[in-house]
Amino acid sequence: MKFIGAHVSIAGGVENAPLNAKSIGATAFAMFTKNQRQWKASPLAEAGKSAFAANLADAGIAPEHVLPHDGYLINLAQPDAEKRRSAADAFTDEMRRCHELGLKLLNFHPGSTKGEVDDATGMEFVAAGVRSALEAVPTVVAVFENTAGQGSCLGASFAQLKTMLDLVGMPERVGVCLDTCHAFAAGYALDDARGRSDFLAEFGETIGFEHLRGMHLNDAQGVRGGHLDRHAPLGEGALGWECFAQLAADPRLDGIPLILETPDDSRWAAEIAELKRLAGIQLSRPQ
């Protein structure tokens, strides 16, 4: 069974995210748990947490099909030790907020070395920050997202993702979210049927599907291997609907949140409906 949604707004409070997901026909969703452009936020209010749980149940979405994303300011590969400690503290707070909402996952970008340390050192920094958060907060899984390989960002290859998972040393508490746009920009041939098959096979061999905790389904602007992290609406980029049809039909992607981050939210309901059709999910009739 495929669980499909989008990264929805929390405007007015986190409790509104499930309602926003329900309104577009989503059976999964992503969200921030606070303003993603700020380091700190007020603690989650008890009323907000209760309303979130009630609205999640009303939407018929399970906690394991919610894929929260941490704030964009957090860089666990930060070369400066003091800033890296602040990033790790902020990441721990993000994980704690997920736990308080009863959620199981926290998606994040590994970070950037800024070209000031080598990749091996940067990956050790990331693993240390993740491990400290996992030790401080129970149950929530840290979900590494693959990157487009732009600049000095870590995590564009399966090999680097695998290295960081291993360095954390807590296999039951780590996973991966695959972003289709990022993978294409990093050089994986998602614009070709054979390339998509090879991409998934390599993931299975290098990391293992037991660690796949979610996917971001985004078409891509730019060229394969161009390191351009720019999303396009489904079917309007270099990947095309053929890519998403192949993914929607793949049983290895069952049971995880499949999340749109496409740039036009007015299309999300239609994109979700088409992905459901491609996955063989019977669409409910309008009331």
C-alpha atoms as a PDB file:
ATOM      1  CA  MET A   1       0.000   0.000   0.000  1.00  0.00           C
ATOM      2  CA  LYS A   2       1.299   3.427  -0.937  1.00  0.00           C
ATOM      3  CA  PHE A   3       0.889   6.381   1.445  1.00  0.00           C
ATOM      4  CA  ILE A   4       1.087   9.644  -0.497  1.00  0.00           C
ATOM      5  CA  GLY A   5       1.010  13.285   0.519  1.00  0.00           C
ATOM      6  CA  ALA A   6       2.858  16.595   0.526  1.00  0.00           C
ATOM      7  CA  HIS A   7       4.794  18.925   2.811  1.00  0.00           C
ATOM      8  CA  VAL A   8       1.922  20.936   4.253  1.00  0.00           C
ATOM      9  CA  SER A   9       1.768  24.204   6.153  1.00  0.00           C
ATOM     10  CA  ILE A  10       1.601  24.552   9.935  1.00  0.00           C
ATOM     11  CA  ALA A  11       0.331  28.147   9.760  1.00  0.00           C
ATOM     12  CA  GLY A  12      -1.803  28.813  12.807  1.00  0.00           C
ATOM     13  CA  GLY A  13      -0.300  25.882  14.721  1.00  0.00           C
ATOM     14  CA  VAL A  14       1.041  22.380  14.159  1.00  0.00           C
ATOM     15  CA  GLU A  15      -2.440  21.004  14.786  1.00  0.00           C
ATOM     16  CA  ASN A  16      -3.504  22.363  11.391  1.00  0.00           C
ATOM     17  CA  ALA A  17      -1.069  20.180   9.438  1.00  0.00           C
ATOM     18  CA  PRO A  18      -3.266  17.025   9.461  1.00  0.00           C
ATOM     19  CA  LEU A  19      -6.266  19.095   8.360  1.00  0.00           C
ATOM     20  CA  ASN A  20      -4.263  20.576   5.491  1.00  0.00           C
ATOM     21  CA  ALA A  21      -3.154  17.085   4.475  1.00  0.00           C
ATOM     22  CA  LYS A  22      -6.714  15.750   4.584  1.00  0.00           C
ATOM     23  CA  SER A  23      -7.939  18.616   2.389  1.00  0.00           C
ATOM     24  CA  ILE A  24      -5.714  17.497  -0.517  1.00  0.00           C
ATOM     25  CA  GLY A  25      -6.524  13.803  -0.243  1.00  0.00           C
ATOM     26  CA  ALA A  26      -3.223  12.902   1.404  1.00  0.00           C
ATOM     27  CA  THR A  27      -2.646   9.669   3.307  1.00  0.00           C
ATOM     28  CA  ALA A  28       0.794  10.855   4.504  1.00  0.00           C
ATOM     29  CA  PHE A  29       2.400  14.256   4.938  1.00  0.00           C
ATOM     30  CA  ALA A  30       5.505  16.192   5.896  1.00  0.00           C
ATOM     31  CA  MET A  31       5.664  19.278   8.081  1.00  0.00           C
ATOM     32  CA  PHE A  32       7.898  21.463  10.173  1.00  0.00           C
ATOM     33  CA  THR A  33       7.271  21.456  13.906  1.00  0.00           C
ATOM     34  CA  LYS A  34       8.214  25.134  14.201  1.00  0.00           C
ATOM     35  CA  ASN A  35       9.320  28.067  12.042  1.00  0.00           C
ATOM     36  CA  GLN A  36      12.073  26.501   9.928  1.00  0.00           C
ATOM     37  CA  ARG A  37      13.948  29.796   9.593  1.00  0.00           C
ATOM     38  CA  GLN A  38      14.405  30.356  13.323  1.00  0.00           C
ATOM     39  CA  TRP A  39      16.721  28.663  15.814  1.00  0.00           C
ATOM     40  CA  LYS A  40      14.310  28.636  18.730  1.00  0.00           C
ATOM     41  CA  ALA A  41      10.576  28.394  19.222  1.00  0.00           C
ATOM     42  CA  SER A  42       8.177  28.320  22.126  1.00  0.00           C
ATOM     43  CA  PRO A  43       7.531  24.856  23.557  1.00  0.00           C
ATOM     44  CA  LEU A  44       4.600  22.991  22.092  1.00  0.00           C
ATOM     45  CA  ALA A  45       1.447  23.783  24.057  1.00  0.00           C
ATOM     46  CA  GLU A  46      -0.479  20.894  25.569  1.00  0.00           C
ATOM     47  CA  ALA A  47      -3.628  22.031  23.782  1.00  0.00           C
ATOM     48  CA  GLY A  48      -1.791  22.063  20.463  1.00  0.00           C
ATOM     49  CA  LYS A  49      -0.402  18.576  21.012  1.00  0.00           C
ATOM     50  CA  SER A  50      -3.821  17.212  21.893  1.00  0.00           C
ATOM     51  CA  ALA A  51      -5.416  18.907  18.886  1.00  0.00           C
ATOM     52  CA  PHE A  52      -2.691  17.546  16.612  1.00  0.00           C
ATOM     53  CA  ALA A  53      -3.376  13.987  17.773  1.00  0.00           C
ATOM     54  CA  ALA A  54      -7.129  14.434  17.356  1.00  0.00           C
ATOM     55  CA  ASN A  55      -6.802  15.927  13.882  1.00  0.00           C
ATOM     56  CA  LEU A  56      -4.339  13.219  12.840  1.00  0.00           C
ATOM     57  CA  ALA A  57      -6.836  10.563  13.856  1.00  0.00           C
ATOM     58  CA  ASP A  58      -9.640  12.420  12.090  1.00  0.00           C
ATOM     59  CA  ALA A  59      -7.546  12.505   8.896  1.00  0.00           C
ATOM     60  CA  GLY A  60      -6.980   8.753   9.190  1.00  0.00           C
ATOM     61  CA  ILE A  61      -3.197   9.166   8.968  1.00  0.00           C
ATOM     62  CA  ALA A  62      -0.897   7.042  11.110  1.00  0.00           C
ATOM     63  CA  PRO A  63       2.012   8.674  12.987  1.00  0.00           C
ATOM     64  CA  GLU A  64       4.522   6.554  11.038  1.00  0.00           C
ATOM     65  CA  HIS A  65       3.280   8.165   7.816  1.00  0.00           C
ATOM     66  CA  VAL A  66       4.211  11.664   8.981  1.00  0.00           C
ATOM     67  CA  LEU A  67       7.708  12.751   7.950  1.00  0.00           C
ATOM     68  CA  PRO A  68       8.634  15.962   9.799  1.00  0.00           C
ATOM     69  CA  HIS A  69      11.599  17.957   8.529  1.00  0.00           C
ATOM     70  CA  ASP A  70      14.034  19.807  10.753  1.00  0.00           C
ATOM     71  CA  GLY A  71      14.832  23.506  10.343  1.00  0.00           C
ATOM     72  CA  TYR A  72      16.982  24.702   7.469  1.00  0.00           C
ATOM     73  CA  LEU A  73      19.461  26.481   9.749  1.00  0.00           C
ATOM     74  CA  ILE A  74      20.750  23.268  11.322  1.00  0.00           C
ATOM     75  CA  ASN A  75      24.123  22.075   9.998  1.00  0.00           C
ATOM     76  CA  LEU A  76      25.468  19.073  11.909  1.00  0.00           C
ATOM     77  CA  ALA A  77      28.628  19.079   9.754  1.00  0.00           C
ATOM     78  CA  GLN A  78      29.457  22.628  10.868  1.00  0.00           C
ATOM     79  CA  PRO A  79      33.278  22.913  11.166  1.00  0.00           C
ATOM     80  CA  ASP A  80      33.140  25.480  13.994  1.00  0.00           C
ATOM     81  CA  ALA A  81      32.873  23.530  17.265  1.00  0.00           C
ATOM     82  CA  GLU A  82      30.683  26.025  19.113  1.00  0.00           C
ATOM     83  CA  LYS A  83      28.269  26.414  16.192  1.00  0.00           C
ATOM     84  CA  ARG A  84      28.221  22.648  15.774  1.00  0.00           C
ATOM     85  CA  ARG A  85      27.157  22.237  19.417  1.00  0.00           C
ATOM     86  CA  SER A  86      24.355  24.750  18.837  1.00  0.00           C
ATOM     87  CA  ALA A  87      23.266  22.819  15.753  1.00  0.00           C
ATOM     88  CA  ALA A  88      23.253  19.544  17.691  1.00  0.00           C
ATOM     89  CA  ASP A  89      21.211  21.137  20.487  1.00  0.00           C
ATOM     90  CA  ALA A  90      18.707  22.464  17.944  1.00  0.00           C
ATOM     91  CA  PHE A  91      18.479  19.049  16.284  1.00  0.00           C
ATOM     92  CA  THR A  92      17.813  17.425  19.650  1.00  0.00           C
ATOM     93  CA  ASP A  93      15.050  19.955  20.285  1.00  0.00           C
ATOM     94  CA  GLU A  94      13.501  19.157  16.892  1.00  0.00           C
ATOM     95  CA  MET A  95      13.576  15.458  17.742  1.00  0.00           C
ATOM     96  CA  ARG A  96      12.010  16.118  21.141  1.00  0.00           C
ATOM     97  CA  ARG A  97       9.168  18.063  19.486  1.00  0.00           C
ATOM     98  CA  CYS A  98       8.487  15.087  17.212  1.00  0.00           C
ATOM     99  CA  HIS A  99       8.411  12.785  20.233  1.00  0.00           C
ATOM    100  CA  GLU A 100       5.975  15.077  22.060  1.00  0.00           C
ATOM    101  CA  LEU A 101       3.654  14.947  19.024  1.00  0.00           C
ATOM    102  CA  GLY A 102       3.756  11.153  19.037  1.00  0.00           C
ATOM    103  CA  LEU A 103       5.649  11.029  15.730  1.00  0.00           C
ATOM    104  CA  LYS A 104       8.227   8.436  14.769  1.00  0.00           C
ATOM    105  CA  LEU A 105      10.518  10.132  12.248  1.00  0.00           C
ATOM    106  CA  LEU A 106      12.632  13.263  11.758  1.00  0.00           C
ATOM    107  CA  ASN A 107      13.986  13.977   8.296  1.00  0.00           C
ATOM    108  CA  PHE A 108      17.091  16.131   7.865  1.00  0.00           C
ATOM    109  CA  HIS A 109      19.882  17.096   5.469  1.00  0.00           C
ATOM    110  CA  PRO A 110      23.253  15.821   6.723  1.00  0.00           C
ATOM    111  CA  GLY A 111      24.902  19.221   6.362  1.00  0.00           C
ATOM    112  CA  SER A 112      27.845  20.993   4.764  1.00  0.00           C
ATOM    113  CA  THR A 113      31.526  21.031   5.654  1.00  0.00           C
ATOM    114  CA  LYS A 114      31.780  24.500   4.050  1.00  0.00           C
ATOM    115  CA  GLY A 115      34.975  23.205   2.486  1.00  0.00           C
ATOM    116  CA  GLU A 116      36.830  23.704   5.770  1.00  0.00           C
ATOM    117  CA  VAL A 117      37.230  20.027   6.729  1.00  0.00           C
ATOM    118  CA  ASP A 118      37.349  16.868   4.631  1.00  0.00           C
ATOM    119  CA  ASP A 119      34.246  14.781   4.024  1.00  0.00           C
ATOM    120  CA  ALA A 120      35.346  12.018   6.401  1.00  0.00           C
ATOM    121  CA  THR A 121      35.623  14.494   9.281  1.00  0.00           C
ATOM    122  CA  GLY A 122      32.317  16.108   8.353  1.00  0.00           C
ATOM    123  CA  MET A 123      30.556  12.756   8.376  1.00  0.00           C
ATOM    124  CA  GLU A 124      31.962  12.045  11.837  1.00  0.00           C
ATOM    125  CA  PHE A 125      30.578  15.395  13.010  1.00  0.00           C
ATOM    126  CA  VAL A 126      27.130  14.557  11.621  1.00  0.00           C
ATOM    127  CA  ALA A 127      27.094  11.114  13.203  1.00  0.00           C
ATOM    128  CA  ALA A 128      28.104  12.524  16.589  1.00  0.00           C
ATOM    129  CA  GLY A 129      25.302  15.101  16.486  1.00  0.00           C
ATOM    130  CA  VAL A 130      22.718  12.518  15.483  1.00  0.00           C
ATOM    131  CA  ARG A 131      23.888  10.060  18.119  1.00  0.00           C
ATOM    132  CA  SER A 132      23.655  12.658  20.907  1.00  0.00           C
ATOM    133  CA  ALA A 133      20.073  13.471  19.884  1.00  0.00           C
ATOM    134  CA  LEU A 134      19.080   9.807  19.729  1.00  0.00           C
ATOM    135  CA  GLU A 135      20.531   9.221  23.180  1.00  0.00           C
ATOM    136  CA  ALA A 136      18.559  12.185  24.552  1.00  0.00           C
ATOM    137  CA  VAL A 137      15.201  11.412  22.910  1.00  0.00           C
ATOM    138  CA  PRO A 138      13.583   7.963  22.760  1.00  0.00           C
ATOM    139  CA  THR A 139      11.859   6.223  19.849  1.00  0.00           C
ATOM    140  CA  VAL A 140      12.212   8.859  17.095  1.00  0.00           C
ATOM    141  CA  VAL A 141      14.217   7.715  14.056  1.00  0.00           C
ATOM    142  CA  ALA A 142      16.748  10.111  12.469  1.00  0.00           C
ATOM    143  CA  VAL A 143      16.128  10.025   8.707  1.00  0.00           C
ATOM    144  CA  PHE A 144      19.046  11.128   6.539  1.00  0.00           C
ATOM    145  CA  GLU A 145      17.993  12.759   3.252  1.00  0.00           C
ATOM    146  CA  ASN A 146      20.169  12.373   0.172  1.00  0.00           C
ATOM    147  CA  THR A 147      21.392  15.669  -1.271  1.00  0.00           C
ATOM    148  CA  ALA A 148      22.042  17.068  -4.733  1.00  0.00           C
ATOM    149  CA  GLY A 149      25.792  17.223  -4.075  1.00  0.00           C
ATOM    150  CA  GLN A 150      25.925  20.976  -4.377  1.00  0.00           C
ATOM    151  CA  GLY A 151      28.981  22.703  -2.962  1.00  0.00           C
ATOM    152  CA  SER A 152      30.342  20.910   0.091  1.00  0.00           C
ATOM    153  CA  CYS A 153      27.054  19.241   1.094  1.00  0.00           C
ATOM    154  CA  LEU A 154      27.373  15.677   2.352  1.00  0.00           C
ATOM    155  CA  GLY A 155      25.115  12.748   1.519  1.00  0.00           C
ATOM    156  CA  ALA A 156      24.802  12.833  -2.268  1.00  0.00           C
ATOM    157  CA  SER A 157      25.913   9.228  -2.667  1.00  0.00           C
ATOM    158  CA  PHE A 158      24.630   6.004  -1.135  1.00  0.00           C
ATOM    159  CA  ALA A 159      28.186   5.298   0.004  1.00  0.00           C
ATOM    160  CA  GLN A 160      28.298   8.483   2.116  1.00  0.00           C
ATOM    161  CA  LEU A 161      24.828   7.854   3.529  1.00  0.00           C
ATOM    162  CA  LYS A 162      25.849   4.324   4.479  1.00  0.00           C
ATOM    163  CA  THR A 163      29.020   5.600   6.142  1.00  0.00           C
ATOM    164  CA  MET A 164      27.053   8.043   8.295  1.00  0.00           C
ATOM    165  CA  LEU A 165      24.451   5.448   9.257  1.00  0.00           C
ATOM    166  CA  ASP A 166      27.240   3.114  10.348  1.00  0.00           C
ATOM    167  CA  LEU A 167      29.065   5.858  12.254  1.00  0.00           C
ATOM    168  CA  VAL A 168      25.951   6.592  14.326  1.00  0.00           C
ATOM    169  CA  GLY A 169      26.090   2.984  15.491  1.00  0.00           C
ATOM    170  CA  MET A 170      22.370   2.701  16.273  1.00  0.00           C
ATOM    171  CA  PRO A 171      20.914   0.922  13.224  1.00  0.00           C
ATOM    172  CA  GLU A 172      17.398   0.644  14.610  1.00  0.00           C
ATOM    173  CA  ARG A 173      17.227   4.440  15.096  1.00  0.00           C
ATOM    174  CA  VAL A 174      18.444   5.672  11.690  1.00  0.00           C
ATOM    175  CA  GLY A 175      17.025   5.598   8.180  1.00  0.00           C
ATOM    176  CA  VAL A 176      17.048   7.298   4.788  1.00  0.00           C
ATOM    177  CA  CYS A 177      14.666   9.474   2.796  1.00  0.00           C
ATOM    178  CA  LEU A 178      15.341   9.441  -0.953  1.00  0.00           C
ATOM    179  CA  ASP A 179      14.611  12.654  -2.841  1.00  0.00           C
ATOM    180  CA  THR A 180      14.173  12.023  -6.567  1.00  0.00           C
ATOM    181  CA  CYS A 181      15.246  15.523  -7.640  1.00  0.00           C
ATOM    182  CA  HIS A 182      18.345  15.402  -5.448  1.00  0.00           C
ATOM    183  CA  ALA A 183      19.297  11.946  -6.711  1.00  0.00           C
ATOM    184  CA  PHE A 184      19.003  13.031 -10.345  1.00  0.00           C
ATOM    185  CA  ALA A 185      20.988  16.204  -9.676  1.00  0.00           C
ATOM    186  CA  ALA A 186      23.667  14.097  -7.976  1.00  0.00           C
ATOM    187  CA  GLY A 187      24.029  11.941 -11.108  1.00  0.00           C
ATOM    188  CA  TYR A 188      21.638   9.007 -10.685  1.00  0.00           C
ATOM    189  CA  ALA A 189      19.814   8.185 -13.944  1.00  0.00           C
ATOM    190  CA  LEU A 190      16.222   8.597 -12.799  1.00  0.00           C
ATOM    191  CA  ASP A 191      15.328   9.895 -16.261  1.00  0.00           C
ATOM    192  CA  ASP A 192      15.714   6.373 -17.681  1.00  0.00           C
ATOM    193  CA  ALA A 193      13.808   3.173 -16.849  1.00  0.00           C
ATOM    194  CA  ARG A 194      16.960   1.071 -16.567  1.00  0.00           C
ATOM    195  CA  GLY A 195      18.629   3.817 -14.569  1.00  0.00           C
ATOM    196  CA  ARG A 196      15.738   3.882 -12.101  1.00  0.00           C
ATOM    197  CA  SER A 197      15.956   0.122 -11.673  1.00  0.00           C
ATOM    198  CA  ASP A 198      19.713   0.355 -11.115  1.00  0.00           C
ATOM    199  CA  PHE A 199      19.196   3.219  -8.646  1.00  0.00           C
ATOM    200  CA  LEU A 200      16.850   1.177  -6.483  1.00  0.00           C
ATOM    201  CA  ALA A 201      18.991  -1.935  -6.778  1.00  0.00           C
ATOM    202  CA  GLU A 202      22.075  -0.009  -5.665  1.00  0.00           C
ATOM    203  CA  PHE A 203      20.168   1.400  -2.708  1.00  0.00           C
ATOM    204  CA  GLY A 204      19.106  -2.091  -1.694  1.00  0.00           C
ATOM    205  CA  GLU A 205      22.619  -3.458  -1.998  1.00  0.00           C
ATOM    206  CA  THR A 206      24.397  -0.524  -0.314  1.00  0.00           C
ATOM    207  CA  ILE A 207      21.963   0.480   2.430  1.00  0.00           C
ATOM    208  CA  GLY A 208      18.980  -1.880   2.369  1.00  0.00           C
ATOM    209  CA  PHE A 209      15.266  -1.214   1.999  1.00  0.00           C
ATOM    210  CA  GLU A 210      14.757  -1.882   5.705  1.00  0.00           C
ATOM    211  CA  HIS A 211      16.326   1.565   6.198  1.00  0.00           C
ATOM    212  CA  LEU A 212      14.136   3.370   3.653  1.00  0.00           C
ATOM    213  CA  ARG A 213      11.789   5.466   5.800  1.00  0.00           C
ATOM    214  CA  GLY A 214      10.387   7.834   3.173  1.00  0.00           C
ATOM    215  CA  MET A 215      10.718   9.429  -0.246  1.00  0.00           C
ATOM    216  CA  HIS A 216      10.359  12.935  -1.621  1.00  0.00           C
ATOM    217  CA  LEU A 217       8.747  12.746  -5.054  1.00  0.00           C
ATOM    218  CA  ASN A 218       9.895  15.777  -7.010  1.00  0.00           C
ATOM    219  CA  ASP A 219      10.491  16.304 -10.706  1.00  0.00           C
ATOM    220  CA  ALA A 220      13.745  18.076 -11.466  1.00  0.00           C
ATOM    221  CA  GLN A 221      14.949  21.092 -13.359  1.00  0.00           C
ATOM    222  CA  GLY A 222      18.481  21.054 -14.730  1.00  0.00           C
ATOM    223  CA  VAL A 223      20.481  18.149 -16.091  1.00  0.00           C
ATOM    224  CA  ARG A 224      21.539  14.817 -14.640  1.00  0.00           C
ATOM    225  CA  GLY A 225      24.610  15.340 -12.471  1.00  0.00           C
ATOM    226  CA  GLY A 226      24.262  19.126 -12.593  1.00  0.00           C
ATOM    227  CA  HIS A 227      23.890  19.456  -8.782  1.00  0.00           C
ATOM    228  CA  LEU A 228      20.937  21.819  -9.208  1.00  0.00           C
ATOM    229  CA  ASP A 229      18.500  21.449  -6.310  1.00  0.00           C
ATOM    230  CA  ARG A 230      15.452  22.869  -8.018  1.00  0.00           C
ATOM    231  CA  HIS A 231      12.170  21.012  -7.960  1.00  0.00           C
ATOM    232  CA  ALA A 232       9.590  20.950 -10.755  1.00  0.00           C
ATOM    233  CA  PRO A 233       5.928  19.855 -10.834  1.00  0.00           C
ATOM    234  CA  LEU A 234       5.500  16.170 -11.591  1.00  0.00           C
ATOM    235  CA  GLY A 235       5.736  15.546 -15.325  1.00  0.00           C
ATOM    236  CA  GLU A 236       7.193  18.967 -16.083  1.00  0.00           C
ATOM    237  CA  GLY A 237      10.865  18.309 -15.424  1.00  0.00           C
ATOM    238  CA  ALA A 238      13.624  16.036 -16.635  1.00  0.00           C
ATOM    239  CA  LEU A 239      12.172  12.953 -14.922  1.00  0.00           C
ATOM    240  CA  GLY A 240       8.657  12.957 -16.365  1.00  0.00           C
ATOM    241  CA  TRP A 241       5.613  10.963 -15.302  1.00  0.00           C
ATOM    242  CA  GLU A 242       7.336   7.746 -16.432  1.00  0.00           C
ATOM    243  CA  CYS A 243       9.627   7.991 -13.401  1.00  0.00           C
ATOM    244  CA  PHE A 244       6.802   8.408 -10.923  1.00  0.00           C
ATOM    245  CA  ALA A 245       4.691   5.708 -12.552  1.00  0.00           C
ATOM    246  CA  GLN A 246       7.564   3.255 -12.107  1.00  0.00           C
ATOM    247  CA  LEU A 247       8.035   4.242  -8.474  1.00  0.00           C
ATOM    248  CA  ALA A 248       4.296   4.130  -7.732  1.00  0.00           C
ATOM    249  CA  ALA A 249       4.165   0.544  -9.005  1.00  0.00           C
ATOM    250  CA  ASP A 250       7.201  -0.677  -7.039  1.00  0.00           C
ATOM    251  CA  PRO A 251       6.166  -2.768  -3.996  1.00  0.00           C
ATOM    252  CA  ARG A 252       9.463  -2.013  -2.248  1.00  0.00           C
ATOM    253  CA  LEU A 253       8.130   1.497  -1.665  1.00  0.00           C
ATOM    254  CA  ASP A 254       4.978   0.333   0.099  1.00  0.00           C
ATOM    255  CA  GLY A 255       4.300   1.374   3.674  1.00  0.00           C
ATOM    256  CA  ILE A 256       6.447   4.524   3.783  1.00  0.00           C
ATOM    257  CA  PRO A 257       5.453   8.198   3.387  1.00  0.00           C
ATOM    258  CA  LEU A 258       5.834   9.368  -0.233  1.00  0.00           C
ATOM    259  CA  ILE A 259       5.926  13.148  -0.046  1.00  0.00           C
ATOM    260  CA  LEU A 260       5.544  15.856  -2.683  1.00  0.00           C
ATOM    261  CA  GLU A 261       7.703  18.960  -2.371  1.00  0.00           C
ATOM    262  CA  THR A 262       6.745  20.200  -5.807  1.00  0.00           C
ATOM    263  CA  PRO A 263       6.648  24.000  -6.132  1.00  0.00           C
ATOM    264  CA  ASP A 264       2.948  24.613  -6.897  1.00  0.00           C
ATOM    265  CA  ASP A 265       0.791  23.619  -3.928  1.00  0.00           C
ATOM    266  CA  SER A 266      -2.379  24.278  -5.952  1.00  0.00           C
ATOM    267  CA  ARG A 267      -1.502  21.113  -7.917  1.00  0.00           C
ATOM    268  CA  TRP A 268      -0.909  18.839  -4.951  1.00  0.00           C
ATOM    269  CA  ALA A 269      -4.409  17.350  -4.837  1.00  0.00           C
ATOM    270  CA  ALA A 270      -4.219  16.476  -8.548  1.00  0.00           C
ATOM    271  CA  GLU A 271      -0.663  15.130  -8.257  1.00  0.00           C
ATOM    272  CA  ILE A 272      -1.635  12.975  -5.278  1.00  0.00           C
ATOM    273  CA  ALA A 273      -4.695  11.667  -7.106  1.00  0.00           C
ATOM    274  CA  GLU A 274      -2.598  10.722 -10.144  1.00  0.00           C
ATOM    275  CA  LEU A 275       0.030   9.000  -8.011  1.00  0.00           C
ATOM    276  CA  LYS A 276      -2.726   7.044  -6.278  1.00  0.00           C
ATOM    277  CA  ARG A 277      -4.113   6.007  -9.674  1.00  0.00           C
ATOM    278  CA  LEU A 278      -0.670   4.883 -10.815  1.00  0.00           C
ATOM    279  CA  ALA A 279      -0.284   2.914  -7.580  1.00  0.00           C
ATOM    280  CA  GLY A 280      -3.599   1.164  -8.185  1.00  0.00           C
ATOM    281  CA  ILE A 281      -5.362   2.847  -5.285  1.00  0.00           C
ATOM    282  CA  GLN A 282      -9.091   3.263  -5.813  1.00  0.00           C
ATOM    283  CA  LEU A 283     -10.009   6.912  -5.475  1.00  0.00           C
ATOM    284  CA  SER A 284     -12.962   7.869  -3.321  1.00  0.00           C
ATOM    285  CA  ARG A 285     -15.843   9.503  -5.111  1.00  0.00           C
ATOM    286  CA  PRO A 286     -16.652  13.145  -4.331  1.00  0.00           C
ATOM    287  CA  GLN A 287     -19.528  13.499  -1.885  1.00  0.00           C
END
